[in-house]
Amino acid sequence: MANTHRSVSRATLLASAVAVLGLLTGCGNGSDGGNSASTPQTLPGTAAPETGTSTPAEATPSSSAPAEQTRPPTSTRCHTSELRASVGRVDPGAGQRNYPIVLTNTSPGTCTVRGYPGAAFVDASGKQLGPDPKRSAGSPATVTLKPGGSAWAGLTYSSPEISGARTATPDSLLVTPPDERDPLKVAWTAGEVPVGGNESSVFLTAFSPGTGA
């Protein structure tokens, strides 16, 4: 009976040892060098694990982007290079001489003028004769010039025969469009103009549509 009791006791101890060993093996602490780690899985809808060598793909422009709208051209100020200057026929009256200074748009586009011209009588060498003209009172308005369109400003002075002013005969009249620096040269064929003394002032009006004829 004693031997049977010992055999049962040994069998019980052996079974207990095996069970404890199994528990220890199933509860590993991760210090086995990573042999039990699983391979990273890519889930649907997520990015793949980073490898350090891949290059992000460039974004493809959307074909649904709105197309650039074309804006209609707008009028701009007329520049000297787009204009031709001329002097119309004299309109005498009440001891005055009145001339229309005409600017004509020679460009293929529409442009505008607003205000007063610059003007100066010059001799053949380009030297100015007399003081700068003065501006007559008025309310300047913007004049739109289509290709071939014109605007005019009045140039007025007292007749020298009546005023007794000192005179000179210009070779040309320099006309500068509003807000420009470069003048246009027009041959002067209307004879003497006042350049000094009594009643020698020359006056200019603001531009109006047309040729002043």
N, C-alpha and C. Protein backbone atom coordinates (compact mmCIF):
# COMPACT_ATOMS: atom_id res chain seq x y z
N MET A 1 0.82 -1.19 0.00
CA MET A 1 0.00 0.00 0.00
C MET A 1 0.85 1.23 0.00
N ALA A 2 2.01 1.16 0.72
CA ALA A 2 2.90 2.32 0.77
C ALA A 2 3.42 2.64 -0.60
N ASN A 3 3.76 1.69 -1.43
CA ASN A 3 4.28 1.95 -2.77
C ASN A 3 3.24 2.56 -3.66
N THR A 4 2.00 2.10 -3.49
CA THR A 4 0.92 2.68 -4.31
C THR A 4 0.71 4.12 -3.99
N HIS A 5 0.77 4.47 -2.72
CA HIS A 5 0.60 5.86 -2.30
C HIS A 5 1.69 6.74 -2.86
N ARG A 6 2.95 6.21 -2.90
CA ARG A 6 4.05 7.01 -3.44
C ARG A 6 3.88 7.22 -4.93
N SER A 7 3.42 6.20 -5.66
CA SER A 7 3.25 6.33 -7.11
C SER A 7 2.22 7.39 -7.45
N VAL A 8 1.12 7.37 -6.68
CA VAL A 8 0.08 8.39 -6.92
C VAL A 8 0.60 9.77 -6.64
N SER A 9 1.38 9.89 -5.58
CA SER A 9 1.91 11.21 -5.21
C SER A 9 2.85 11.72 -6.28
N ARG A 10 3.71 10.83 -6.86
CA ARG A 10 4.64 11.26 -7.90
C ARG A 10 3.90 11.68 -9.17
N ALA A 11 2.86 10.89 -9.47
CA ALA A 11 2.09 11.22 -10.68
C ALA A 11 1.42 12.59 -10.54
N THR A 12 0.92 12.84 -9.33
CA THR A 12 0.24 14.13 -9.09
C THR A 12 1.23 15.28 -9.20
N LEU A 13 2.44 15.14 -8.63
CA LEU A 13 3.45 16.19 -8.69
C LEU A 13 3.89 16.44 -10.13
N LEU A 14 4.05 15.36 -10.92
CA LEU A 14 4.48 15.50 -12.32
C LEU A 14 3.45 16.26 -13.13
N ALA A 15 2.18 15.92 -12.90
CA ALA A 15 1.11 16.61 -13.65
C ALA A 15 1.08 18.08 -13.29
N SER A 16 1.30 18.38 -12.01
CA SER A 16 1.29 19.79 -11.58
C SER A 16 2.44 20.56 -12.20
N ALA A 17 3.61 19.93 -12.29
CA ALA A 17 4.77 20.60 -12.88
C ALA A 17 4.54 20.90 -14.35
N VAL A 18 3.95 19.95 -15.06
CA VAL A 18 3.67 20.16 -16.48
C VAL A 18 2.68 21.31 -16.67
N ALA A 19 1.69 21.38 -15.83
CA ALA A 19 0.68 22.45 -15.95
C ALA A 19 1.30 23.82 -15.70
N VAL A 20 2.17 23.89 -14.68
CA VAL A 20 2.83 25.18 -14.37
C VAL A 20 3.72 25.60 -15.52
N LEU A 21 4.48 24.65 -16.12
CA LEU A 21 5.35 24.96 -17.26
C LEU A 21 4.54 25.48 -18.44
N GLY A 22 3.36 24.90 -18.67
CA GLY A 22 2.51 25.37 -19.77
C GLY A 22 2.03 26.79 -19.55
N LEU A 23 1.71 27.13 -18.31
CA LEU A 23 1.27 28.50 -18.00
C LEU A 23 2.37 29.51 -18.22
N LEU A 24 3.58 29.19 -17.83
CA LEU A 24 4.71 30.09 -18.01
C LEU A 24 4.99 30.31 -19.49
N THR A 25 4.90 29.27 -20.31
CA THR A 25 5.17 29.39 -21.75
C THR A 25 4.13 30.24 -22.43
N GLY A 26 2.87 30.17 -22.06
CA GLY A 26 1.80 30.94 -22.69
C GLY A 26 1.81 32.39 -22.28
N CYS A 27 2.53 32.77 -21.23
CA CYS A 27 2.56 34.17 -20.75
C CYS A 27 3.93 34.76 -21.00
N GLY A 28 4.42 34.72 -22.22
CA GLY A 28 5.73 35.25 -22.56
C GLY A 28 5.79 36.74 -22.32
N ASN A 29 6.98 37.32 -21.96
CA ASN A 29 7.14 38.75 -21.67
C ASN A 29 7.74 39.53 -22.82
N GLY A 30 7.87 38.93 -24.04
CA GLY A 30 8.34 39.68 -25.21
C GLY A 30 9.84 39.81 -25.25
N SER A 31 10.58 39.15 -24.43
CA SER A 31 12.03 39.26 -24.41
C SER A 31 12.69 38.16 -25.22
N ASP A 32 11.94 37.59 -26.14
CA ASP A 32 12.49 36.48 -26.91
C ASP A 32 13.06 36.92 -28.24
N GLY A 33 13.41 38.26 -28.37
CA GLY A 33 14.05 38.73 -29.60
C GLY A 33 13.06 39.01 -30.70
N GLY A 34 11.78 39.03 -30.39
CA GLY A 34 10.79 39.41 -31.39
C GLY A 34 10.31 38.24 -32.21
N ASN A 35 10.65 36.99 -31.79
CA ASN A 35 10.24 35.84 -32.60
C ASN A 35 8.75 35.64 -32.60
N SER A 36 8.07 36.14 -31.54
CA SER A 36 6.62 35.93 -31.46
C SER A 36 5.83 37.08 -32.03
N ALA A 37 6.51 38.18 -32.56
CA ALA A 37 5.80 39.35 -33.10
C ALA A 37 5.15 38.99 -34.42
N SER A 38 3.93 39.53 -34.64
CA SER A 38 3.22 39.25 -35.88
C SER A 38 3.59 40.26 -36.95
N THR A 39 3.44 39.92 -38.23
CA THR A 39 3.74 40.80 -39.36
C THR A 39 2.68 41.89 -39.47
N PRO A 40 3.09 43.22 -39.67
CA PRO A 40 2.10 44.30 -39.76
C PRO A 40 1.10 44.03 -40.86
N GLN A 41 -0.14 44.28 -40.57
CA GLN A 41 -1.22 44.05 -41.51
C GLN A 41 -1.75 45.38 -42.04
N THR A 42 -2.06 45.43 -43.32
CA THR A 42 -2.66 46.61 -43.92
C THR A 42 -4.16 46.46 -43.92
N LEU A 43 -4.82 47.39 -43.22
CA LEU A 43 -6.26 47.34 -43.13
C LEU A 43 -6.89 48.08 -44.30
N PRO A 44 -8.05 47.69 -44.74
CA PRO A 44 -8.72 48.40 -45.83
C PRO A 44 -8.93 49.87 -45.48
N GLY A 45 -8.59 50.77 -46.44
CA GLY A 45 -8.80 52.20 -46.23
C GLY A 45 -7.71 52.88 -45.45
N THR A 46 -6.61 52.22 -45.11
CA THR A 46 -5.51 52.83 -44.37
C THR A 46 -4.25 52.79 -45.20
N ALA A 47 -3.25 53.61 -44.78
CA ALA A 47 -1.97 53.63 -45.49
C ALA A 47 -1.15 52.44 -45.11
N ALA A 48 -0.32 51.98 -46.04
CA ALA A 48 0.57 50.85 -45.77
C ALA A 48 1.66 51.28 -44.80
N PRO A 49 2.27 50.35 -44.08
CA PRO A 49 3.36 50.69 -43.18
C PRO A 49 4.47 51.41 -43.92
N GLU A 50 5.06 52.44 -43.28
CA GLU A 50 6.10 53.24 -43.92
C GLU A 50 7.36 52.43 -44.09
N THR A 51 7.96 52.48 -45.29
CA THR A 51 9.20 51.75 -45.55
C THR A 51 10.40 52.66 -45.62
N GLY A 52 10.17 53.99 -45.78
CA GLY A 52 11.28 54.93 -45.86
C GLY A 52 11.83 55.12 -47.25
N THR A 53 11.29 54.42 -48.24
CA THR A 53 11.82 54.53 -49.61
C THR A 53 10.76 54.95 -50.62
N SER A 54 9.51 54.90 -50.20
CA SER A 54 8.45 55.23 -51.16
C SER A 54 8.32 56.74 -51.32
N THR A 55 7.88 57.22 -52.47
CA THR A 55 7.69 58.64 -52.77
C THR A 55 6.22 58.90 -52.99
N PRO A 56 5.63 59.89 -52.28
CA PRO A 56 4.21 60.17 -52.47
C PRO A 56 3.92 60.52 -53.91
N ALA A 57 2.83 60.04 -54.41
CA ALA A 57 2.42 60.35 -55.78
C ALA A 57 1.95 61.79 -55.87
N GLU A 58 2.27 62.46 -56.99
CA GLU A 58 1.84 63.84 -57.18
C GLU A 58 0.35 63.89 -57.44
N ALA A 59 -0.27 64.96 -56.91
CA ALA A 59 -1.70 65.12 -57.09
C ALA A 59 -2.01 65.47 -58.54
N THR A 60 -3.02 64.86 -59.06
CA THR A 60 -3.44 65.14 -60.43
C THR A 60 -4.44 66.28 -60.44
N PRO A 61 -4.20 67.37 -61.22
CA PRO A 61 -5.15 68.50 -61.23
C PRO A 61 -6.54 68.03 -61.62
N SER A 62 -7.49 68.57 -60.93
CA SER A 62 -8.88 68.21 -61.20
C SER A 62 -9.36 68.85 -62.49
N SER A 63 -9.98 68.07 -63.31
CA SER A 63 -10.49 68.58 -64.57
C SER A 63 -11.74 69.42 -64.38
N SER A 64 -12.25 69.43 -63.12
CA SER A 64 -13.47 70.17 -62.85
C SER A 64 -13.21 71.60 -62.39
N ALA A 65 -11.91 72.04 -62.39
CA ALA A 65 -11.59 73.40 -61.97
C ALA A 65 -12.22 74.40 -62.94
N PRO A 66 -12.78 75.49 -62.41
CA PRO A 66 -13.45 76.46 -63.29
C PRO A 66 -12.48 77.12 -64.25
N ALA A 67 -12.87 77.28 -65.49
CA ALA A 67 -12.02 77.92 -66.50
C ALA A 67 -11.93 79.41 -66.23
N GLU A 68 -10.76 80.00 -66.58
CA GLU A 68 -10.57 81.44 -66.37
C GLU A 68 -11.52 82.23 -67.27
N GLN A 69 -12.21 83.17 -66.67
CA GLN A 69 -13.17 83.95 -67.42
C GLN A 69 -12.47 85.07 -68.17
N THR A 70 -12.93 85.34 -69.37
CA THR A 70 -12.37 86.41 -70.19
C THR A 70 -13.13 87.69 -69.92
N ARG A 71 -12.40 88.73 -69.48
CA ARG A 71 -13.04 90.00 -69.18
C ARG A 71 -12.98 90.92 -70.39
N PRO A 72 -14.04 91.65 -70.63
CA PRO A 72 -14.01 92.58 -71.77
C PRO A 72 -13.02 93.70 -71.54
N PRO A 73 -12.33 94.19 -72.57
CA PRO A 73 -11.34 95.27 -72.39
C PRO A 73 -12.03 96.55 -71.95
N THR A 74 -11.32 97.33 -71.14
CA THR A 74 -11.86 98.59 -70.66
C THR A 74 -11.07 99.75 -71.26
N SER A 75 -11.70 100.92 -71.31
CA SER A 75 -11.04 102.09 -71.87
C SER A 75 -9.93 102.56 -70.95
N THR A 76 -8.83 103.05 -71.54
CA THR A 76 -7.73 103.60 -70.77
C THR A 76 -7.40 104.99 -71.30
N ARG A 77 -6.61 105.70 -70.52
CA ARG A 77 -6.22 107.05 -70.94
C ARG A 77 -5.44 107.01 -72.24
N CYS A 78 -5.73 107.99 -73.11
CA CYS A 78 -5.00 108.07 -74.39
C CYS A 78 -3.57 108.53 -74.14
N HIS A 79 -2.63 107.87 -74.77
CA HIS A 79 -1.22 108.26 -74.68
C HIS A 79 -0.81 109.01 -75.95
N THR A 80 0.24 109.78 -75.81
CA THR A 80 0.70 110.61 -76.94
C THR A 80 0.90 109.78 -78.20
N SER A 81 1.48 108.58 -78.05
CA SER A 81 1.77 107.74 -79.21
C SER A 81 0.51 107.25 -79.92
N GLU A 82 -0.65 107.39 -79.28
CA GLU A 82 -1.90 106.92 -79.87
C GLU A 82 -2.71 108.05 -80.51
N LEU A 83 -2.16 109.25 -80.51
CA LEU A 83 -2.93 110.42 -80.94
C LEU A 83 -2.25 111.19 -82.07
N ARG A 84 -3.07 111.92 -82.82
CA ARG A 84 -2.58 112.88 -83.80
C ARG A 84 -3.18 114.24 -83.46
N ALA A 85 -2.37 115.30 -83.51
CA ALA A 85 -2.84 116.65 -83.19
C ALA A 85 -2.96 117.49 -84.46
N SER A 86 -3.93 118.37 -84.44
CA SER A 86 -4.11 119.31 -85.55
C SER A 86 -4.76 120.57 -85.01
N VAL A 87 -4.71 121.64 -85.81
CA VAL A 87 -5.33 122.92 -85.44
C VAL A 87 -6.38 123.24 -86.51
N GLY A 88 -7.61 123.49 -86.06
CA GLY A 88 -8.68 123.79 -86.99
C GLY A 88 -8.67 125.24 -87.46
N ARG A 89 -9.67 125.59 -88.23
CA ARG A 89 -9.76 126.95 -88.80
C ARG A 89 -10.10 127.97 -87.71
N VAL A 90 -9.60 129.20 -87.91
CA VAL A 90 -9.84 130.27 -86.96
C VAL A 90 -11.32 130.64 -86.97
N ASP A 91 -11.80 131.00 -85.79
CA ASP A 91 -13.17 131.48 -85.64
C ASP A 91 -13.09 132.86 -84.98
N PRO A 92 -12.99 133.92 -85.77
CA PRO A 92 -12.83 135.25 -85.19
C PRO A 92 -14.15 135.74 -84.60
N GLY A 93 -14.01 136.61 -83.61
CA GLY A 93 -15.21 137.19 -83.02
C GLY A 93 -14.88 138.13 -81.89
N ALA A 94 -15.47 139.33 -81.93
CA ALA A 94 -15.33 140.33 -80.86
C ALA A 94 -13.88 140.58 -80.49
N GLY A 95 -13.03 140.74 -81.50
CA GLY A 95 -11.63 141.03 -81.25
C GLY A 95 -10.83 139.83 -80.76
N GLN A 96 -11.37 138.64 -80.88
CA GLN A 96 -10.70 137.43 -80.44
C GLN A 96 -10.36 136.54 -81.63
N ARG A 97 -9.35 135.72 -81.43
CA ARG A 97 -9.04 134.66 -82.38
C ARG A 97 -9.18 133.33 -81.64
N ASN A 98 -9.99 132.46 -82.21
CA ASN A 98 -10.30 131.19 -81.56
C ASN A 98 -9.96 130.03 -82.50
N TYR A 99 -9.18 129.08 -81.98
CA TYR A 99 -8.78 127.93 -82.78
C TYR A 99 -9.10 126.64 -82.01
N PRO A 100 -9.64 125.66 -82.70
CA PRO A 100 -9.80 124.35 -82.04
C PRO A 100 -8.52 123.52 -82.16
N ILE A 101 -8.01 123.07 -81.02
CA ILE A 101 -6.90 122.11 -81.01
C ILE A 101 -7.53 120.73 -80.96
N VAL A 102 -7.27 119.93 -81.96
CA VAL A 102 -7.96 118.64 -82.11
C VAL A 102 -6.98 117.48 -81.88
N LEU A 103 -7.41 116.53 -81.04
CA LEU A 103 -6.69 115.27 -80.86
C LEU A 103 -7.54 114.15 -81.43
N THR A 104 -6.93 113.31 -82.28
CA THR A 104 -7.63 112.21 -82.92
C THR A 104 -6.96 110.89 -82.53
N ASN A 105 -7.78 109.93 -82.18
CA ASN A 105 -7.28 108.61 -81.78
C ASN A 105 -6.87 107.81 -83.02
N THR A 106 -5.59 107.52 -83.13
CA THR A 106 -5.08 106.76 -84.27
C THR A 106 -4.82 105.29 -83.94
N SER A 107 -5.11 104.89 -82.71
CA SER A 107 -4.86 103.51 -82.29
C SER A 107 -6.05 102.61 -82.64
N PRO A 108 -5.87 101.30 -82.59
CA PRO A 108 -6.98 100.38 -82.88
C PRO A 108 -7.93 100.18 -81.71
N GLY A 109 -7.60 100.77 -80.54
CA GLY A 109 -8.44 100.60 -79.36
C GLY A 109 -9.09 101.90 -78.93
N THR A 110 -10.00 101.78 -77.98
CA THR A 110 -10.69 102.95 -77.42
C THR A 110 -9.91 103.50 -76.25
N CYS A 111 -9.81 104.83 -76.18
CA CYS A 111 -9.13 105.47 -75.06
C CYS A 111 -9.87 106.75 -74.68
N THR A 112 -9.41 107.41 -73.62
CA THR A 112 -10.12 108.59 -73.13
C THR A 112 -9.16 109.76 -72.89
N VAL A 113 -9.70 110.97 -72.98
CA VAL A 113 -8.98 112.18 -72.59
C VAL A 113 -9.87 112.95 -71.62
N ARG A 114 -9.24 113.66 -70.71
CA ARG A 114 -9.98 114.43 -69.73
C ARG A 114 -9.13 115.61 -69.28
N GLY A 115 -9.70 116.81 -69.35
CA GLY A 115 -9.00 117.98 -68.86
C GLY A 115 -8.50 118.88 -69.96
N TYR A 116 -7.38 119.56 -69.68
CA TYR A 116 -6.83 120.57 -70.58
C TYR A 116 -5.57 120.06 -71.27
N PRO A 117 -5.33 120.52 -72.49
CA PRO A 117 -4.04 120.19 -73.13
C PRO A 117 -2.95 121.11 -72.62
N GLY A 118 -1.72 120.69 -72.84
CA GLY A 118 -0.61 121.62 -72.70
C GLY A 118 -0.33 122.21 -74.07
N ALA A 119 0.10 123.47 -74.14
CA ALA A 119 0.35 124.11 -75.44
C ALA A 119 1.49 125.12 -75.32
N ALA A 120 2.28 125.23 -76.37
CA ALA A 120 3.38 126.20 -76.40
C ALA A 120 3.72 126.53 -77.84
N PHE A 121 3.82 127.83 -78.14
CA PHE A 121 4.31 128.27 -79.44
C PHE A 121 5.83 128.22 -79.41
N VAL A 122 6.45 127.68 -80.48
CA VAL A 122 7.91 127.59 -80.54
C VAL A 122 8.40 128.06 -81.90
N ASP A 123 9.66 128.54 -81.91
CA ASP A 123 10.25 128.93 -83.19
C ASP A 123 10.90 127.73 -83.86
N ALA A 124 11.61 127.96 -84.96
CA ALA A 124 12.19 126.86 -85.72
C ALA A 124 13.24 126.08 -84.94
N SER A 125 13.86 126.73 -83.95
CA SER A 125 14.87 126.04 -83.14
C SER A 125 14.27 125.31 -81.95
N GLY A 126 12.95 125.44 -81.76
CA GLY A 126 12.29 124.78 -80.64
C GLY A 126 12.18 125.64 -79.40
N LYS A 127 12.60 126.91 -79.46
CA LYS A 127 12.52 127.80 -78.31
C LYS A 127 11.09 128.32 -78.15
N GLN A 128 10.60 128.30 -76.90
CA GLN A 128 9.23 128.73 -76.66
C GLN A 128 9.09 130.24 -76.83
N LEU A 129 7.99 130.65 -77.43
CA LEU A 129 7.68 132.06 -77.64
C LEU A 129 6.52 132.45 -76.72
N GLY A 130 6.77 133.38 -75.81
CA GLY A 130 5.72 133.82 -74.91
C GLY A 130 5.52 132.88 -73.73
N PRO A 131 4.70 133.28 -72.77
CA PRO A 131 4.45 132.46 -71.57
C PRO A 131 3.52 131.29 -71.88
N ASP A 132 3.40 130.40 -70.92
CA ASP A 132 2.46 129.28 -71.07
C ASP A 132 1.04 129.80 -71.10
N PRO A 133 0.17 129.20 -71.91
CA PRO A 133 -1.24 129.59 -71.91
C PRO A 133 -1.89 129.36 -70.55
N LYS A 134 -2.97 130.07 -70.30
CA LYS A 134 -3.73 129.92 -69.07
C LYS A 134 -4.98 129.08 -69.33
N ARG A 135 -5.52 128.52 -68.27
CA ARG A 135 -6.72 127.69 -68.41
C ARG A 135 -7.97 128.53 -68.14
N SER A 136 -8.92 128.42 -69.05
CA SER A 136 -10.21 129.07 -68.85
C SER A 136 -11.02 128.27 -67.83
N ALA A 137 -11.89 128.95 -67.10
CA ALA A 137 -12.73 128.26 -66.13
C ALA A 137 -13.66 127.28 -66.85
N GLY A 138 -13.90 126.16 -66.25
CA GLY A 138 -14.77 125.17 -66.86
C GLY A 138 -14.85 123.92 -66.01
N SER A 139 -15.64 122.97 -66.45
CA SER A 139 -15.82 121.69 -65.76
C SER A 139 -15.37 120.56 -66.68
N PRO A 140 -14.14 120.10 -66.55
CA PRO A 140 -13.65 119.04 -67.43
C PRO A 140 -14.49 117.77 -67.33
N ALA A 141 -14.67 117.11 -68.44
CA ALA A 141 -15.40 115.85 -68.49
C ALA A 141 -14.57 114.84 -69.28
N THR A 142 -14.76 113.57 -68.99
CA THR A 142 -14.05 112.52 -69.71
C THR A 142 -14.65 112.34 -71.10
N VAL A 143 -13.79 112.37 -72.11
CA VAL A 143 -14.23 112.18 -73.50
C VAL A 143 -13.67 110.84 -73.98
N THR A 144 -14.56 109.96 -74.39
CA THR A 144 -14.17 108.64 -74.88
C THR A 144 -13.94 108.70 -76.39
N LEU A 145 -12.78 108.25 -76.81
CA LEU A 145 -12.41 108.27 -78.23
C LEU A 145 -12.30 106.86 -78.77
N LYS A 146 -13.22 106.49 -79.62
CA LYS A 146 -13.09 105.24 -80.34
C LYS A 146 -12.03 105.42 -81.43
N PRO A 147 -11.57 104.35 -82.05
CA PRO A 147 -10.60 104.51 -83.14
C PRO A 147 -11.11 105.50 -84.19
N GLY A 148 -10.30 106.53 -84.45
CA GLY A 148 -10.68 107.56 -85.40
C GLY A 148 -11.48 108.70 -84.80
N GLY A 149 -11.86 108.58 -83.52
CA GLY A 149 -12.63 109.63 -82.87
C GLY A 149 -11.77 110.80 -82.43
N SER A 150 -12.41 111.98 -82.24
CA SER A 150 -11.65 113.21 -81.92
C SER A 150 -12.25 113.94 -80.73
N ALA A 151 -11.39 114.74 -80.11
CA ALA A 151 -11.80 115.68 -79.06
C ALA A 151 -11.09 116.99 -79.34
N TRP A 152 -11.71 118.10 -78.93
CA TRP A 152 -11.09 119.40 -79.21
C TRP A 152 -11.11 120.29 -77.97
N ALA A 153 -10.10 121.17 -77.91
CA ALA A 153 -10.00 122.18 -76.87
C ALA A 153 -9.77 123.53 -77.55
N GLY A 154 -10.36 124.57 -77.01
CA GLY A 154 -10.24 125.88 -77.63
C GLY A 154 -8.98 126.62 -77.22
N LEU A 155 -8.29 127.23 -78.19
CA LEU A 155 -7.15 128.11 -77.95
C LEU A 155 -7.58 129.52 -78.38
N THR A 156 -7.51 130.46 -77.43
CA THR A 156 -8.06 131.80 -77.67
C THR A 156 -7.08 132.88 -77.22
N TYR A 157 -6.98 133.95 -78.02
CA TYR A 157 -6.21 135.13 -77.60
C TYR A 157 -6.79 136.36 -78.30
N SER A 158 -6.48 137.51 -77.75
CA SER A 158 -6.96 138.76 -78.34
C SER A 158 -6.19 139.06 -79.62
N SER A 159 -6.86 139.61 -80.60
CA SER A 159 -6.21 139.97 -81.86
C SER A 159 -5.12 141.01 -81.59
N PRO A 160 -3.88 140.76 -82.00
CA PRO A 160 -2.79 141.69 -81.71
C PRO A 160 -3.02 143.08 -82.29
N GLU A 161 -3.72 143.17 -83.42
CA GLU A 161 -3.99 144.48 -84.02
C GLU A 161 -4.82 145.36 -83.09
N ILE A 162 -5.63 144.72 -82.26
CA ILE A 162 -6.49 145.47 -81.34
C ILE A 162 -5.81 145.65 -79.98
N SER A 163 -5.19 144.62 -79.49
CA SER A 163 -4.61 144.66 -78.15
C SER A 163 -3.30 145.44 -78.11
N GLY A 164 -2.59 145.50 -79.23
CA GLY A 164 -1.30 146.16 -79.24
C GLY A 164 -0.20 145.34 -78.60
N ALA A 165 -0.42 144.06 -78.39
CA ALA A 165 0.58 143.20 -77.75
C ALA A 165 1.78 142.99 -78.65
N ARG A 166 2.92 142.75 -78.07
CA ARG A 166 4.11 142.39 -78.83
C ARG A 166 3.89 141.00 -79.42
N THR A 167 4.32 140.79 -80.66
CA THR A 167 4.01 139.53 -81.34
C THR A 167 5.25 138.83 -81.86
N ALA A 168 5.06 137.60 -82.24
CA ALA A 168 6.09 136.80 -82.93
C ALA A 168 5.35 135.79 -83.79
N THR A 169 6.04 135.28 -84.79
CA THR A 169 5.43 134.29 -85.69
C THR A 169 6.03 132.92 -85.38
N PRO A 170 5.25 132.03 -84.79
CA PRO A 170 5.77 130.70 -84.43
C PRO A 170 6.00 129.83 -85.66
N ASP A 171 6.88 128.88 -85.49
CA ASP A 171 7.07 127.84 -86.50
C ASP A 171 6.09 126.69 -86.26
N SER A 172 5.86 126.39 -84.97
CA SER A 172 5.02 125.24 -84.62
C SER A 172 4.28 125.50 -83.31
N LEU A 173 3.25 124.70 -83.09
CA LEU A 173 2.55 124.65 -81.80
C LEU A 173 2.76 123.26 -81.23
N LEU A 174 3.29 123.21 -80.02
CA LEU A 174 3.45 121.92 -79.33
C LEU A 174 2.20 121.66 -78.49
N VAL A 175 1.61 120.51 -78.68
CA VAL A 175 0.38 120.13 -77.97
C VAL A 175 0.66 118.88 -77.15
N THR A 176 0.44 118.97 -75.84
CA THR A 176 0.64 117.83 -74.95
C THR A 176 -0.71 117.33 -74.46
N PRO A 177 -1.06 116.07 -74.72
CA PRO A 177 -2.33 115.52 -74.23
C PRO A 177 -2.39 115.53 -72.70
N PRO A 178 -3.59 115.54 -72.13
CA PRO A 178 -3.72 115.53 -70.67
C PRO A 178 -2.98 114.37 -70.02
N ASP A 179 -2.26 114.67 -68.94
CA ASP A 179 -1.54 113.68 -68.13
C ASP A 179 -0.40 112.99 -68.88
N GLU A 180 0.03 113.55 -70.01
CA GLU A 180 1.17 113.02 -70.74
C GLU A 180 2.35 114.00 -70.66
N ARG A 181 3.54 113.51 -70.96
CA ARG A 181 4.74 114.33 -70.94
C ARG A 181 5.24 114.69 -72.35
N ASP A 182 5.02 113.78 -73.28
CA ASP A 182 5.53 113.99 -74.64
C ASP A 182 4.53 114.77 -75.48
N PRO A 183 4.99 115.86 -76.13
CA PRO A 183 4.07 116.67 -76.94
C PRO A 183 3.99 116.18 -78.38
N LEU A 184 2.96 116.66 -79.05
CA LEU A 184 2.79 116.47 -80.49
C LEU A 184 3.06 117.80 -81.17
N LYS A 185 3.76 117.77 -82.28
CA LYS A 185 4.16 119.00 -82.97
C LYS A 185 3.26 119.26 -84.17
N VAL A 186 2.70 120.48 -84.21
CA VAL A 186 1.80 120.87 -85.29
C VAL A 186 2.35 122.13 -85.94
N ALA A 187 2.47 122.11 -87.26
CA ALA A 187 2.94 123.31 -87.96
C ALA A 187 1.94 124.45 -87.75
N TRP A 188 2.45 125.65 -87.44
CA TRP A 188 1.58 126.82 -87.22
C TRP A 188 1.59 127.69 -88.48
N THR A 189 0.42 127.88 -89.07
CA THR A 189 0.32 128.64 -90.32
C THR A 189 -0.61 129.85 -90.20
N ALA A 190 -0.95 130.22 -88.95
CA ALA A 190 -1.94 131.28 -88.74
C ALA A 190 -1.31 132.64 -88.44
N GLY A 191 -0.01 132.79 -88.68
CA GLY A 191 0.60 134.11 -88.54
C GLY A 191 1.02 134.45 -87.13
N GLU A 192 1.06 135.77 -86.84
CA GLU A 192 1.59 136.26 -85.57
C GLU A 192 0.67 135.92 -84.40
N VAL A 193 1.32 135.76 -83.24
CA VAL A 193 0.59 135.51 -81.98
C VAL A 193 1.17 136.43 -80.91
N PRO A 194 0.38 136.80 -79.91
CA PRO A 194 0.90 137.67 -78.86
C PRO A 194 1.88 136.93 -77.96
N VAL A 195 3.01 137.54 -77.66
CA VAL A 195 4.02 136.92 -76.79
C VAL A 195 4.41 137.82 -75.62
N GLY A 196 3.91 139.04 -75.56
CA GLY A 196 4.25 139.93 -74.45
C GLY A 196 3.46 141.22 -74.53
N GLY A 197 3.45 141.96 -73.40
CA GLY A 197 2.74 143.23 -73.37
C GLY A 197 1.29 143.07 -72.97
N ASN A 198 0.52 144.15 -73.20
CA ASN A 198 -0.89 144.15 -72.81
C ASN A 198 -1.70 143.11 -73.59
N GLU A 199 -2.64 142.48 -72.90
CA GLU A 199 -3.57 141.55 -73.53
C GLU A 199 -2.87 140.47 -74.35
N SER A 200 -1.76 139.98 -73.80
CA SER A 200 -1.00 138.98 -74.56
C SER A 200 -1.28 137.55 -74.11
N SER A 201 -2.17 137.38 -73.13
CA SER A 201 -2.42 136.03 -72.60
C SER A 201 -3.15 135.16 -73.62
N VAL A 202 -2.76 133.92 -73.63
CA VAL A 202 -3.43 132.90 -74.46
C VAL A 202 -4.16 131.97 -73.50
N PHE A 203 -5.40 131.60 -73.85
CA PHE A 203 -6.23 130.78 -72.98
C PHE A 203 -6.59 129.46 -73.66
N LEU A 204 -6.77 128.42 -72.82
CA LEU A 204 -7.17 127.10 -73.29
C LEU A 204 -8.42 126.65 -72.56
N THR A 205 -9.32 125.97 -73.28
CA THR A 205 -10.49 125.36 -72.66
C THR A 205 -10.26 123.87 -72.49
N ALA A 206 -11.09 123.21 -71.69
CA ALA A 206 -11.02 121.75 -71.52
C ALA A 206 -11.53 121.06 -72.78
N PHE A 207 -11.17 119.79 -72.92
CA PHE A 207 -11.56 119.02 -74.09
C PHE A 207 -13.06 118.71 -74.09
N SER A 208 -13.62 118.73 -75.31
CA SER A 208 -15.01 118.36 -75.55
C SER A 208 -15.03 117.38 -76.72
N PRO A 209 -16.10 116.59 -76.87
CA PRO A 209 -16.17 115.66 -78.00
C PRO A 209 -16.23 116.38 -79.35
N GLY A 210 -15.67 115.77 -80.39
CA GLY A 210 -15.76 116.31 -81.73
C GLY A 210 -14.51 117.06 -82.16
N THR A 211 -14.64 117.81 -83.24
CA THR A 211 -13.51 118.54 -83.81
C THR A 211 -13.63 120.05 -83.62
N GLY A 212 -14.73 120.51 -83.07
CA GLY A 212 -14.92 121.95 -82.88
C GLY A 212 -15.21 122.70 -84.15
N ALA A 213 -15.47 121.99 -85.24
CA ALA A 213 -15.75 122.66 -86.53
C ALA A 213 -17.18 123.18 -86.56
